[in-house]
C-alpha atoms as a PDB file:
ATOM      1  CA  SER A   1      28.297 -45.877  39.187  1.00  0.00           C
ATOM      2  CA  PRO A   2      26.391 -47.121  36.092  1.00  0.00           C
ATOM      3  CA  GLY A   3      27.250 -43.885  34.303  1.00  0.00           C
ATOM      4  CA  GLY A   4      30.938 -44.577  34.754  1.00  0.00           C
ATOM      5  CA  LYS A   5      30.750 -48.007  33.175  1.00  0.00           C
ATOM      6  CA  VAL A   6      33.025 -48.317  30.139  1.00  0.00           C
ATOM      7  CA  VAL A   7      30.960 -49.407  27.128  1.00  0.00           C
ATOM      8  CA  LEU A   8      33.357 -48.683  24.253  1.00  0.00           C
ATOM      9  CA  ARG A   9      37.125 -48.886  23.742  1.00  0.00           C
ATOM     10  CA  VAL A  10      39.064 -47.596  20.741  1.00  0.00           C
ATOM     11  CA  GLY A  11      42.707 -48.418  21.193  1.00  0.00           C
ATOM     12  CA  GLU A  12      43.567 -46.963  24.577  1.00  0.00           C
ATOM     13  CA  LYS A  13      40.571 -44.616  24.605  1.00  0.00           C
ATOM     14  CA  GLU A  14      37.650 -45.569  26.830  1.00  0.00           C
ATOM     15  CA  VAL A  15      34.125 -44.216  26.471  1.00  0.00           C
ATOM     16  CA  THR A  16      31.679 -44.495  29.348  1.00  0.00           C
ATOM     17  CA  GLN A  17      27.969 -45.043  29.310  1.00  0.00           C
ATOM     18  CA  ALA A  18      27.473 -41.475  30.572  1.00  0.00           C
ATOM     19  CA  ASP A  19      29.530 -40.113  27.656  1.00  0.00           C
ATOM     20  CA  LEU A  20      27.494 -41.939  25.018  1.00  0.00           C
ATOM     21  CA  ASP A  21      24.153 -41.239  26.720  1.00  0.00           C
ATOM     22  CA  SER A  22      25.059 -37.539  26.713  1.00  0.00           C
ATOM     23  CA  LEU A  23      25.891 -37.664  23.004  1.00  0.00           C
ATOM     24  CA  LEU A  24      22.697 -39.545  22.210  1.00  0.00           C
ATOM     25  CA  GLY A  25      20.652 -36.983  24.121  1.00  0.00           C
ATOM     26  CA  LYS A  26      22.019 -34.182  21.942  1.00  0.00           C
ATOM     27  CA  LEU A  27      21.077 -35.811  18.645  1.00  0.00           C
ATOM     28  CA  ASN A  28      18.161 -34.385  16.687  1.00  0.00           C
ATOM     29  CA  PRO A  29      14.816 -36.221  17.112  1.00  0.00           C
ATOM     30  CA  GLN A  30      14.995 -37.918  13.708  1.00  0.00           C
ATOM     31  CA  VAL A  31      18.389 -39.480  14.461  1.00  0.00           C
ATOM     32  CA  GLN A  32      17.230 -40.496  17.928  1.00  0.00           C
ATOM     33  CA  GLN A  33      14.285 -42.302  16.356  1.00  0.00           C
ATOM     34  CA  THR A  34      16.686 -44.095  14.010  1.00  0.00           C
ATOM     35  CA  VAL A  35      18.814 -45.189  16.977  1.00  0.00           C
ATOM     36  CA  ALA A  36      15.684 -46.393  18.768  1.00  0.00           C
ATOM     37  CA  ARG A  37      14.784 -48.569  15.750  1.00  0.00           C
ATOM     38  CA  GLN A  38      18.247 -49.870  14.909  1.00  0.00           C
ATOM     39  CA  GLY A  39      19.734 -50.058  18.385  1.00  0.00           C
ATOM     40  CA  LYS A  40      22.873 -48.310  19.635  1.00  0.00           C
ATOM     41  CA  ARG A  41      25.454 -50.457  17.882  1.00  0.00           C
ATOM     42  CA  PRO A  42      25.458 -48.560  14.526  1.00  0.00           C
ATOM     43  CA  PHE A  43      25.830 -45.304  16.457  1.00  0.00           C
ATOM     44  CA  GLY A  44      28.650 -46.820  18.543  1.00  0.00           C
ATOM     45  CA  GLU A  45      30.461 -47.976  15.411  1.00  0.00           C
ATOM     46  CA  GLN A  46      30.186 -44.527  13.832  1.00  0.00           C
ATOM     47  CA  TYR A  47      31.473 -42.877  17.001  1.00  0.00           C
ATOM     48  CA  ALA A  48      34.353 -45.348  17.175  1.00  0.00           C
ATOM     49  CA  MET A  49      35.347 -44.470  13.606  1.00  0.00           C
ATOM     50  CA  MET A  50      35.145 -40.776  14.487  1.00  0.00           C
ATOM     51  CA  LEU A  51      37.588 -41.389  17.362  1.00  0.00           C
ATOM     52  CA  ILE A  52      39.923 -43.292  15.052  1.00  0.00           C
ATOM     53  CA  LEU A  53      39.907 -40.502  12.461  1.00  0.00           C
ATOM     54  CA  SER A  54      40.374 -37.793  15.096  1.00  0.00           C
ATOM     55  CA  GLY A  55      43.338 -39.709  16.527  1.00  0.00           C
ATOM     56  CA  GLN A  56      44.887 -39.944  13.079  1.00  0.00           C
ATOM     57  CA  ALA A  57      44.377 -36.205  12.581  1.00  0.00           C
ATOM     58  CA  VAL A  58      46.270 -35.480  15.799  1.00  0.00           C
ATOM     59  CA  ASP A  59      49.081 -37.830  14.753  1.00  0.00           C
ATOM     60  CA  HIS A  60      49.337 -35.924  11.476  1.00  0.00           C
ATOM     61  CA  HIS A  61      49.309 -32.584  13.350  1.00  0.00           C
ATOM     62  CA  LEU A  62      46.165 -31.440  11.535  1.00  0.00           C
ATOM     63  CA  ASP A  63      44.964 -29.907  14.785  1.00  0.00           C
ATOM     64  CA  SER A  64      47.827 -27.406  14.548  1.00  0.00           C
ATOM     65  CA  SER A  65      46.824 -25.910  11.225  1.00  0.00           C
ATOM     66  CA  PRO A  66      45.637 -22.257  11.294  1.00  0.00           C
ATOM     67  CA  GLU A  67      42.318 -23.155   9.677  1.00  0.00           C
ATOM     68  CA  PHE A  68      41.593 -25.850  12.263  1.00  0.00           C
ATOM     69  CA  GLN A  69      42.479 -23.482  15.110  1.00  0.00           C
ATOM     70  CA  ARG A  70      40.174 -20.850  13.584  1.00  0.00           C
ATOM     71  CA  GLN A  71      37.305 -23.328  13.353  1.00  0.00           C
ATOM     72  CA  LEU A  72      37.949 -24.531  16.882  1.00  0.00           C
ATOM     73  CA  ALA A  73      37.906 -20.968  18.217  1.00  0.00           C
ATOM     74  CA  THR A  74      34.674 -20.242  16.372  1.00  0.00           C
ATOM     75  CA  GLN A  75      33.037 -23.380  17.726  1.00  0.00           C
ATOM     76  CA  ARG A  76      34.127 -22.460  21.248  1.00  0.00           C
ATOM     77  CA  VAL A  77      32.601 -18.998  20.892  1.00  0.00           C
ATOM     78  CA  GLN A  78      29.340 -20.502  19.619  1.00  0.00           C
ATOM     79  CA  MET A  79      29.150 -23.006  22.468  1.00  0.00           C
ATOM     80  CA  LEU A  80      29.903 -20.389  25.107  1.00  0.00           C
ATOM     81  CA  ALA A  81      27.371 -17.979  23.613  1.00  0.00           C
ATOM     82  CA  GLN A  82      24.703 -20.693  23.649  1.00  0.00           C
ATOM     83  CA  ALA A  83      25.572 -21.592  27.238  1.00  0.00           C
ATOM     84  CA  GLU A  84      25.207 -17.955  28.343  1.00  0.00           C
ATOM     85  CA  TYR A  85      21.952 -17.576  26.381  1.00  0.00           C
ATOM     86  CA  ASP A  86      20.587 -20.663  28.126  1.00  0.00           C
ATOM     87  CA  ALA A  87      21.638 -19.231  31.495  1.00  0.00           C
ATOM     88  CA  LEU A  88      19.896 -15.919  30.732  1.00  0.00           C
ATOM     89  CA  THR A  89      16.782 -17.839  29.722  1.00  0.00           C
ATOM     90  CA  ARG A  90      16.745 -19.649  33.051  1.00  0.00           C
ATOM     91  CA  GLN A  91      17.196 -16.344  34.871  1.00  0.00           C
ATOM     92  CA  ALA A  92      14.234 -14.837  33.010  1.00  0.00           C
ATOM     93  CA  ALA A  93      11.792 -16.859  35.085  1.00  0.00           C
ATOM     94  CA  VAL A  94       8.203 -15.606  35.263  1.00  0.00           C
ATOM     95  CA  THR A  95       6.220 -15.796  38.502  1.00  0.00           C
ATOM     96  CA  PRO A  96       2.493 -16.581  38.736  1.00  0.00           C
ATOM     97  CA  GLU A  97       2.010 -13.066  40.132  1.00  0.00           C
ATOM     98  CA  GLU A  98       3.576 -11.529  37.016  1.00  0.00           C
ATOM     99  CA  THR A  99       1.367 -13.680  34.798  1.00  0.00           C
ATOM    100  CA  GLY A 100      -1.772 -12.673  36.686  1.00  0.00           C
ATOM    101  CA  LYS A 101      -0.860  -8.984  36.606  1.00  0.00           C
ATOM    102  CA  TYR A 102      -0.240  -9.044  32.863  1.00  0.00           C
ATOM    103  CA  TYR A 103      -3.543 -10.816  32.210  1.00  0.00           C
ATOM    104  CA  SER A 104      -5.558  -8.357  34.294  1.00  0.00           C
ATOM    105  CA  GLU A 105      -3.945  -5.402  32.490  1.00  0.00           C
ATOM    106  CA  HIS A 106      -4.307  -6.821  28.966  1.00  0.00           C
ATOM    107  CA  GLN A 107      -7.626  -8.663  28.979  1.00  0.00           C
ATOM    108  CA  THR A 108      -8.658  -7.214  25.620  1.00  0.00           C
ATOM    109  CA  GLU A 109      -5.760  -9.130  24.044  1.00  0.00           C
ATOM    110  CA  TYR A 110      -7.464 -12.347  25.077  1.00  0.00           C
ATOM    111  CA  GLU A 111     -10.899 -11.701  23.667  1.00  0.00           C
ATOM    112  CA  GLU A 112     -11.844 -14.264  21.050  1.00  0.00           C
ATOM    113  CA  VAL A 113     -14.505 -13.873  18.368  1.00  0.00           C
ATOM    114  CA  LYS A 114     -16.128 -16.042  15.727  1.00  0.00           C
ATOM    115  CA  VAL A 115     -16.531 -14.289  12.398  1.00  0.00           C
ATOM    116  CA  ARG A 116     -17.700 -15.035   8.892  1.00  0.00           C
ATOM    117  CA  GLN A 117     -15.478 -13.274   6.396  1.00  0.00           C
ATOM    118  CA  VAL A 118     -16.517 -12.192   2.905  1.00  0.00           C
ATOM    119  CA  VAL A 119     -13.885 -11.409   0.254  1.00  0.00           C
ATOM    120  CA  LEU A 120     -14.625 -10.070  -3.234  1.00  0.00           C
ATOM    121  CA  ARG A 121     -11.861  -9.812  -5.818  1.00  0.00           C
ATOM    122  CA  LYS A 122     -11.609  -6.443  -7.567  1.00  0.00           C
ATOM    123  CA  LYS A 123     -10.997  -5.890 -11.261  1.00  0.00           C
ATOM    124  CA  ALA A 124      -9.528  -2.730 -12.704  1.00  0.00           C
ATOM    125  CA  ASP A 125     -11.818  -0.766 -14.984  1.00  0.00           C
ATOM    126  CA  ASP A 126      -9.390  -1.140 -17.884  1.00  0.00           C
ATOM    127  CA  ALA A 127      -8.808  -4.881 -17.326  1.00  0.00           C
ATOM    128  CA  ALA A 128      -9.424  -7.387 -20.096  1.00  0.00           C
ATOM    129  CA  ALA A 129     -12.930  -8.795 -20.313  1.00  0.00           C
ATOM    130  CA  ASP A 130     -11.847 -12.294 -19.253  1.00  0.00           C
ATOM    131  CA  THR A 131     -10.009 -11.040 -16.124  1.00  0.00           C
ATOM    132  CA  GLN A 132     -11.461 -12.521 -12.948  1.00  0.00           C
ATOM    133  CA  GLY A 133     -12.995 -10.054 -10.530  1.00  0.00           C
ATOM    134  CA  LEU A 134     -15.678  -7.418 -10.108  1.00  0.00           C
ATOM    135  CA  SER A 135     -15.598  -3.770 -11.053  1.00  0.00           C
ATOM    136  CA  ILE A 136     -15.648  -1.330  -8.158  1.00  0.00           C
ATOM    137  CA  ALA A 137     -19.343  -0.561  -8.696  1.00  0.00           C
ATOM    138  CA  ASP A 138     -20.308  -4.237  -9.077  1.00  0.00           C
ATOM    139  CA  GLY A 139     -18.201  -5.228  -6.065  1.00  0.00           C
ATOM    140  CA  ARG A 140     -19.849  -2.685  -3.804  1.00  0.00           C
ATOM    141  CA  ALA A 141     -23.293  -3.649  -5.026  1.00  0.00           C
ATOM    142  CA  ARG A 142     -22.651  -7.373  -4.538  1.00  0.00           C
ATOM    143  CA  ALA A 143     -21.232  -6.758  -1.069  1.00  0.00           C
ATOM    144  CA  GLU A 144     -24.368  -4.840  -0.090  1.00  0.00           C
ATOM    145  CA  GLU A 145     -26.550  -7.729  -1.268  1.00  0.00           C
ATOM    146  CA  ILE A 146     -24.514 -10.163   0.810  1.00  0.00           C
ATOM    147  CA  ARG A 147     -24.706  -7.847   3.826  1.00  0.00           C
ATOM    148  CA  LYS A 148     -28.508  -7.696   3.622  1.00  0.00           C
ATOM    149  CA  ALA A 149     -28.719 -11.471   3.318  1.00  0.00           C
ATOM    150  CA  LEU A 150     -26.469 -12.061   6.336  1.00  0.00           C
ATOM    151  CA  THR A 151     -28.168  -9.510   8.588  1.00  0.00           C
ATOM    152  CA  SER A 152     -31.664 -10.636   7.628  1.00  0.00           C
ATOM    153  CA  GLY A 153     -31.037 -14.029   9.169  1.00  0.00           C
ATOM    154  CA  THR A 154     -30.645 -16.018   5.959  1.00  0.00           C
ATOM    155  CA  GLU A 155     -28.928 -19.335   6.661  1.00  0.00           C
ATOM    156  CA  ALA A 156     -25.199 -19.148   6.051  1.00  0.00           C
ATOM    157  CA  ASN A 157     -25.178 -22.138   3.700  1.00  0.00           C
ATOM    158  CA  VAL A 158     -27.833 -20.423   1.588  1.00  0.00           C
ATOM    159  CA  VAL A 159     -25.840 -17.197   1.424  1.00  0.00           C
ATOM    160  CA  VAL A 160     -22.735 -19.140   0.420  1.00  0.00           C
ATOM    161  CA  LYS A 161     -24.653 -21.007  -2.279  1.00  0.00           C
ATOM    162  CA  ASP A 162     -26.410 -17.920  -3.661  1.00  0.00           C
ATOM    163  CA  PHE A 163     -23.482 -15.498  -3.776  1.00  0.00           C
ATOM    164  CA  SER A 164     -20.210 -17.445  -3.965  1.00  0.00           C
ATOM    165  CA  VAL A 165     -18.260 -17.282  -7.222  1.00  0.00           C
ATOM    166  CA  PRO A 166     -15.066 -19.378  -7.397  1.00  0.00           C
ATOM    167  CA  ASN A 167     -11.968 -17.190  -7.079  1.00  0.00           C
ATOM    168  CA  VAL A 168     -14.102 -14.038  -7.165  1.00  0.00           C
ATOM    169  CA  VAL A 169     -16.555 -14.024  -4.242  1.00  0.00           C
ATOM    170  CA  VAL A 170     -15.443 -16.129  -1.281  1.00  0.00           C
ATOM    171  CA  ILE A 171     -17.674 -16.453   1.795  1.00  0.00           C
ATOM    172  CA  ASP A 172     -16.669 -18.534   4.797  1.00  0.00           C
ATOM    173  CA  SER A 173     -18.951 -21.550   4.926  1.00  0.00           C
ATOM    174  CA  GLU A 174     -17.732 -22.193   8.479  1.00  0.00           C
ATOM    175  CA  PRO A 175     -16.977 -19.370  10.911  1.00  0.00           C
ATOM    176  CA  ARG A 176     -13.354 -18.730  11.815  1.00  0.00           C
ATOM    177  CA  THR A 177     -12.155 -18.072  15.369  1.00  0.00           C
ATOM    178  CA  VAL A 178      -9.765 -15.135  15.690  1.00  0.00           C
ATOM    179  CA  ARG A 179      -8.199 -12.916  18.292  1.00  0.00           C
ATOM    180  CA  ARG A 180      -7.097  -9.311  18.084  1.00  0.00           C
ATOM    181  CA  GLY A 181      -4.376  -8.760  15.540  1.00  0.00           C
ATOM    182  CA  GLN A 182      -5.180 -11.770  13.350  1.00  0.00           C
ATOM    183  CA  LEU A 183      -7.214  -9.884  10.725  1.00  0.00           C
ATOM    184  CA  LEU A 184      -6.300  -6.952   8.486  1.00  0.00           C
ATOM    185  CA  PRO A 185      -5.692  -4.009  10.855  1.00  0.00           C
ATOM    186  CA  ASP A 186      -8.719  -1.944   9.774  1.00  0.00           C
ATOM    187  CA  LEU A 187     -10.986  -4.990   9.670  1.00  0.00           C
ATOM    188  CA  ASP A 188      -9.650  -6.170  13.028  1.00  0.00           C
ATOM    189  CA  LYS A 189     -10.506  -2.835  14.645  1.00  0.00           C
ATOM    190  CA  ALA A 190     -13.989  -2.799  13.125  1.00  0.00           C
ATOM    191  CA  VAL A 191     -14.870  -6.407  13.966  1.00  0.00           C
ATOM    192  CA  PHE A 192     -14.123  -6.106  17.684  1.00  0.00           C
ATOM    193  CA  GLN A 193     -16.472  -3.126  17.900  1.00  0.00           C
ATOM    194  CA  LEU A 194     -19.439  -5.026  16.424  1.00  0.00           C
ATOM    195  CA  LYS A 195     -22.346  -6.601  18.252  1.00  0.00           C
ATOM    196  CA  ASP A 196     -23.356 -10.202  17.600  1.00  0.00           C
ATOM    197  CA  GLY A 197     -24.898 -10.537  14.136  1.00  0.00           C
ATOM    198  CA  GLU A 198     -23.623  -7.210  12.809  1.00  0.00           C
ATOM    199  CA  VAL A 199     -21.538  -6.912   9.651  1.00  0.00           C
ATOM    200  CA  SER A 200     -18.596  -4.546   9.376  1.00  0.00           C
ATOM    201  CA  GLU A 201     -18.373  -1.741   6.858  1.00  0.00           C
ATOM    202  CA  LEU A 202     -16.878  -2.730   3.523  1.00  0.00           C
ATOM    203  CA  LEU A 203     -13.085  -2.420   3.529  1.00  0.00           C
ATOM    204  CA  GLU A 204     -11.286  -1.839   0.243  1.00  0.00           C
ATOM    205  CA  THR A 205      -7.707  -2.810  -0.558  1.00  0.00           C
ATOM    206  CA  PRO A 206      -6.042  -2.519  -3.975  1.00  0.00           C
ATOM    207  CA  GLN A 207      -6.911  -6.158  -4.726  1.00  0.00           C
ATOM    208  CA  VAL A 208     -10.126  -6.988  -2.840  1.00  0.00           C
ATOM    209  CA  PHE A 209     -13.185  -5.849  -0.940  1.00  0.00           C
ATOM    210  CA  VAL A 210     -13.545  -7.468   2.461  1.00  0.00           C
ATOM    211  CA  MET A 211     -16.051  -7.432   5.321  1.00  0.00           C
ATOM    212  CA  ALA A 212     -16.929  -9.723   8.204  1.00  0.00           C
ATOM    213  CA  GLN A 213     -19.927 -10.650  10.311  1.00  0.00           C
ATOM    214  CA  LEU A 214     -19.473 -11.071  14.064  1.00  0.00           C
ATOM    215  CA  LEU A 215     -21.189 -14.239  15.254  1.00  0.00           C
ATOM    216  CA  SER A 216     -20.094 -14.495  18.906  1.00  0.00           C
ATOM    217  CA  ARG A 217     -17.372 -13.475  21.336  1.00  0.00           C
ATOM    218  CA  ARG A 218     -15.878 -14.798  24.539  1.00  0.00           C
ATOM    219  CA  GLN A 219     -13.187 -13.814  27.016  1.00  0.00           C
ATOM    220  CA  LEU A 220     -10.442 -16.395  27.383  1.00  0.00           C
ATOM    221  CA  GLU A 221      -9.712 -17.237  31.003  1.00  0.00           C
ATOM    222  CA  GLN A 222      -6.278 -16.756  32.500  1.00  0.00           C
ATOM    223  CA  LYS A 223      -5.718 -20.497  32.810  1.00  0.00           C
ATOM    224  CA  ASP A 224      -6.224 -20.827  29.050  1.00  0.00           C
ATOM    225  CA  VAL A 225      -3.477 -18.339  28.193  1.00  0.00           C
ATOM    226  CA  SER A 226      -1.066 -18.601  31.141  1.00  0.00           C
ATOM    227  CA  ARG A 227       1.579 -20.482  29.131  1.00  0.00           C
ATOM    228  CA  GLU A 228       1.343 -17.942  26.314  1.00  0.00           C
ATOM    229  CA  ILE A 229       1.740 -15.035  28.755  1.00  0.00           C
ATOM    230  CA  GLU A 230       4.673 -16.725  30.496  1.00  0.00           C
ATOM    231  CA  ASN A 231       6.475 -17.188  27.184  1.00  0.00           C
ATOM    232  CA  LYS A 232       5.820 -13.584  26.212  1.00  0.00           C
ATOM    233  CA  LEU A 233       7.077 -12.165  29.507  1.00  0.00           C
ATOM    234  CA  ARG A 234      10.106 -14.481  29.487  1.00  0.00           C
ATOM    235  CA  GLN A 235      11.017 -13.280  26.008  1.00  0.00           C
ATOM    236  CA  GLN A 236      10.617  -9.655  27.098  1.00  0.00           C
ATOM    237  CA  LYS A 237      12.993 -10.229  30.015  1.00  0.00           C
ATOM    238  CA  LEU A 238      15.461 -12.035  27.763  1.00  0.00           C
ATOM    239  CA  ASP A 239      15.337  -9.245  25.155  1.00  0.00           C
ATOM    240  CA  ALA A 240      15.939  -6.677  27.890  1.00  0.00           C
ATOM    241  CA  ALA A 241      18.948  -8.632  29.187  1.00  0.00           C
ATOM    242  CA  LEU A 242      20.417  -8.875  25.682  1.00  0.00           C
ATOM    243  CA  ALA A 243      19.822  -5.165  25.084  1.00  0.00           C
ATOM    244  CA  ASP A 244      21.612  -4.390  28.356  1.00  0.00           C
ATOM    245  CA  LEU A 245      24.576  -6.504  27.273  1.00  0.00           C
ATOM    246  CA  ARG A 246      24.756  -4.686  23.940  1.00  0.00           C
ATOM    247  CA  GLN A 247      24.710  -1.328  25.730  1.00  0.00           C
ATOM    248  CA  LYS A 248      27.531  -2.385  28.052  1.00  0.00           C
ATOM    249  CA  ASN A 249      29.585  -3.741  25.157  1.00  0.00           C
ATOM    250  CA  PRO A 250      29.674  -1.144  22.360  1.00  0.00           C
ATOM    251  CA  ILE A 251      29.838  -2.608  18.875  1.00  0.00           C
ATOM    252  CA  TRP A 252      31.812  -1.020  16.037  1.00  0.00           C
ATOM    253  CA  MET A 253      31.610  -2.153  12.444  1.00  0.00           C
ATOM    254  CA  ASP A 254      33.713  -1.070   9.504  1.00  0.00           C
ATOM    255  CA  ASP A 255      31.265   0.741   7.210  1.00  0.00           C
ATOM    256  CA  GLN A 256      33.160  -0.233   4.094  1.00  0.00           C
ATOM    257  CA  TYR A 257      33.291  -3.947   4.910  1.00  0.00           C
ATOM    258  CA  PHE A 258      29.671  -4.078   6.088  1.00  0.00           C
ATOM    259  CA  ALA A 259      28.253  -1.835   3.376  1.00  0.00           C
ATOM    260  CA  ALA A 260      24.917  -2.848   1.886  1.00  0.00           C
ATOM    261  CA  PRO A 261      25.121  -4.711  -1.434  1.00  0.00           C
ATOM    262  CA  ALA A 262      25.126  -2.427  -4.439  1.00  0.00           C
ATOM    263  CA  ALA A 263      21.958  -2.390  -6.508  1.00  0.00           C
ATOM    264  CA  PRO A 264      22.264  -4.535  -9.650  1.00  0.00           C
ATOM    265  CA  ALA A 265      23.229  -2.498 -12.655  1.00  0.00           C
ATOM    266  CA  ALA A 266      20.550  -1.877 -15.267  1.00  0.00           C
ATOM    267  CA  PRO A 267      21.031  -3.843 -18.485  1.00  0.00           C
ATOM    268  CA  ASN A 268      23.003  -1.906 -21.061  1.00  0.00           C
ATOM    269  CA  ALA A 269      20.995  -0.401 -23.878  1.00  0.00           C
ATOM    270  CA  PRO A 270      21.915  -1.790 -27.298  1.00  0.00           C
ATOM    271  CA  THR A 271      24.489   0.201 -29.183  1.00  0.00           C
ATOM    272  CA  PRO A 272      23.300   1.926 -32.366  1.00  0.00           C
ATOM    273  CA  SER A 273      25.080  -0.651 -34.506  1.00  0.00           C
ATOM    274  CA  ALA A 274      23.145  -3.451 -32.772  1.00  0.00           C
ATOM    275  CA  GLN A 275      19.729  -1.843 -33.274  1.00  0.00           C
ATOM    276  CA  PRO A 276      17.584  -2.976 -36.189  1.00  0.00           C
ATOM    277  CA  GLN A 277      18.060  -0.803 -39.227  1.00  0.00           C
ATOM    278  CA  PRO A 278      14.917   0.822 -40.688  1.00  0.00           C
ATOM    279  CA  LYS A 279      13.731  -0.772 -43.896  1.00  0.00           C
END
């Protein structure tokens, strides 16, 4: 067969087309692109040299050294573990029925909204005069002005122009599309309860004030998120299989060997003799 055709000889060693094609297929994309540009000869020459060096290593009995045997055993474990992981992944297949059931039971996860977010940087009351930001009172007052402008129907570009302050008051000039869980938790909860055109209550964090106006919402169809659901369910099945394996194979670790790193010691205070002497 074409795959059995010998395409490389190094001494008495023969390498078939199938062997090299398999090796080429396992290269990372960048190297594969290099091979596509340069042709296969440079790769063949490098592989030939690797065979020569490996043959020399065997002749010199380097394959018998304890360190080599340890590395070989580790590599075998890694390859077997990857092979089993790949097999578990294939077994964690997701059916169209499972995808449809998940979608029907979690439709709120696939609600999408367009929002305009407003962020105002806070400044501590005792901050220096040149510190960027707004005091708590000024921030709340400015946010209320922006809220009135947005809810009154003022054009967004006008609101942005009238109220934006670089690095202090930031208003989305273009709406952003988000789904549940992509905003700050409290803001996320508030936004998805709004009606079109409404602005959320002002949310305060230690660094900023933030609020958002809901512009529109839509429900994503199952066909739009089927691949996402399949990946999620496949990962859940895979995680469950791995958890089952861990339960069936108890793991013990030596507490002393696996102890957490000790906290770095505090710098030593200067000794009295090293301290400046009073004048």
